[in-house]
Amino acid sequence: MEPHYPSMHGVLRLIVTLDGEDIVDCEPILATMFTEAITINGSKQLRNIQVRKMASYIRAIMLELSCIASHLLWLGPFMADIGAQ
């Protein structure tokens, strides 16, 4: 069940369990933007895995591009909310 409000893309996700039209259970997931970076970097450090610099650079570039896309995805609905059609 997402997105439930135009400016909430990727910020709040609700996983619901339905019984017909009734909501039986709801599991909120908040701010999933950087969980991938935390998971990858945490497991690398715990396992003492050495990663080539090129792979680290590519990962940093992809995270930055993801951040830019997230901001642009916020900007579009925000502009629509304030009347820029």
Protein backbone atom coordinates (compact mmCIF):
# COMPACT_ATOMS: atom_id res chain seq x y z
CA MET A 1 0.00 0.00 0.00
CA GLU A 2 2.12 2.86 -1.30
CA PRO A 3 2.48 5.72 -1.97
CA HIS A 4 -0.42 7.05 0.03
CA TYR A 5 0.49 10.73 -0.34
CA PRO A 6 2.30 12.28 -3.34
CA SER A 7 5.19 13.74 -1.35
CA MET A 8 5.92 10.52 0.58
CA HIS A 9 7.63 8.51 -2.22
CA GLY A 10 10.16 6.16 -0.63
CA VAL A 11 9.86 7.70 2.85
CA LEU A 12 7.07 5.56 4.26
CA ARG A 13 5.98 2.18 2.99
CA LEU A 14 3.12 0.24 4.57
CA ILE A 15 2.95 -3.52 4.12
CA VAL A 16 -0.61 -4.51 4.98
CA THR A 17 -2.34 -7.84 5.44
CA LEU A 18 -5.95 -7.80 4.34
CA ASP A 19 -8.97 -9.91 5.21
CA GLY A 20 -11.37 -8.94 2.47
CA GLU A 21 -11.49 -5.15 2.79
CA ASP A 22 -10.37 -5.07 6.44
CA ILE A 23 -6.75 -4.38 7.37
CA VAL A 24 -5.62 -7.14 9.73
CA ASP A 25 -1.94 -6.21 10.12
CA CYS A 26 0.24 -3.28 9.10
CA GLU A 27 4.05 -3.18 9.03
CA PRO A 28 5.52 0.32 8.45
CA ILE A 29 8.95 0.60 6.81
CA LEU A 30 10.61 3.99 7.18
CA ALA A 31 13.35 5.72 5.15
CA THR A 32 14.72 2.91 3.00
CA MET A 33 17.07 5.16 1.04
CA PHE A 34 20.43 4.25 2.58
CA THR A 35 19.74 0.79 4.00
CA GLU A 36 21.65 -0.80 1.12
CA ALA A 37 24.80 1.19 1.91
CA ILE A 38 24.56 0.36 5.61
CA THR A 39 24.01 -3.35 4.91
CA ILE A 40 26.87 -3.62 2.43
CA ASN A 41 29.41 -1.60 4.42
CA GLY A 42 28.49 -3.28 7.69
CA SER A 43 28.88 -6.79 6.32
CA LYS A 44 32.20 -5.86 4.67
CA GLN A 45 33.62 -4.62 7.96
CA LEU A 46 32.33 -7.54 10.01
CA ARG A 47 33.75 -10.11 7.60
CA ASN A 48 36.96 -8.13 6.99
CA ILE A 49 36.44 -8.22 3.22
CA GLN A 50 38.75 -6.10 1.07
CA VAL A 51 37.01 -4.46 -1.89
CA ARG A 52 38.81 -2.90 -4.84
CA LYS A 53 38.81 0.91 -4.96
CA MET A 54 37.01 0.91 -8.32
CA ALA A 55 34.09 -1.01 -6.78
CA SER A 56 33.93 1.47 -3.89
CA TYR A 57 33.94 4.39 -6.35
CA ILE A 58 31.17 2.84 -8.43
CA ARG A 59 29.10 2.17 -5.30
CA ALA A 60 29.55 5.79 -4.13
CA ILE A 61 28.56 7.13 -7.55
CA MET A 62 25.45 4.92 -7.64
CA LEU A 63 24.42 6.04 -4.14
CA GLU A 64 24.82 9.69 -5.16
CA LEU A 65 22.77 9.13 -8.32
CA SER A 66 20.12 7.44 -6.20
CA CYS A 67 20.09 10.44 -3.89
CA ILE A 68 19.68 12.85 -6.82
CA ALA A 69 16.83 10.72 -8.22
CA SER A 70 15.17 10.72 -4.81
CA HIS A 71 15.34 14.51 -4.60
CA LEU A 72 13.96 14.90 -8.12
CA LEU A 73 11.16 12.48 -7.30
CA TRP A 74 10.35 14.69 -4.30
CA LEU A 75 10.52 17.89 -6.35
CA GLY A 76 7.98 16.81 -8.98
CA PRO A 77 5.06 16.06 -6.61
CA PHE A 78 5.99 19.09 -4.47
CA MET A 79 5.78 21.39 -7.48
CA ALA A 80 2.42 19.82 -8.41
CA ASP A 81 1.19 20.38 -4.83
CA ILE A 82 1.98 24.10 -5.00
CA GLY A 83 0.28 24.50 -8.39
CA ALA A 84 3.02 24.20 -11.01
CA GLN A 85 1.24 22.25 -13.73
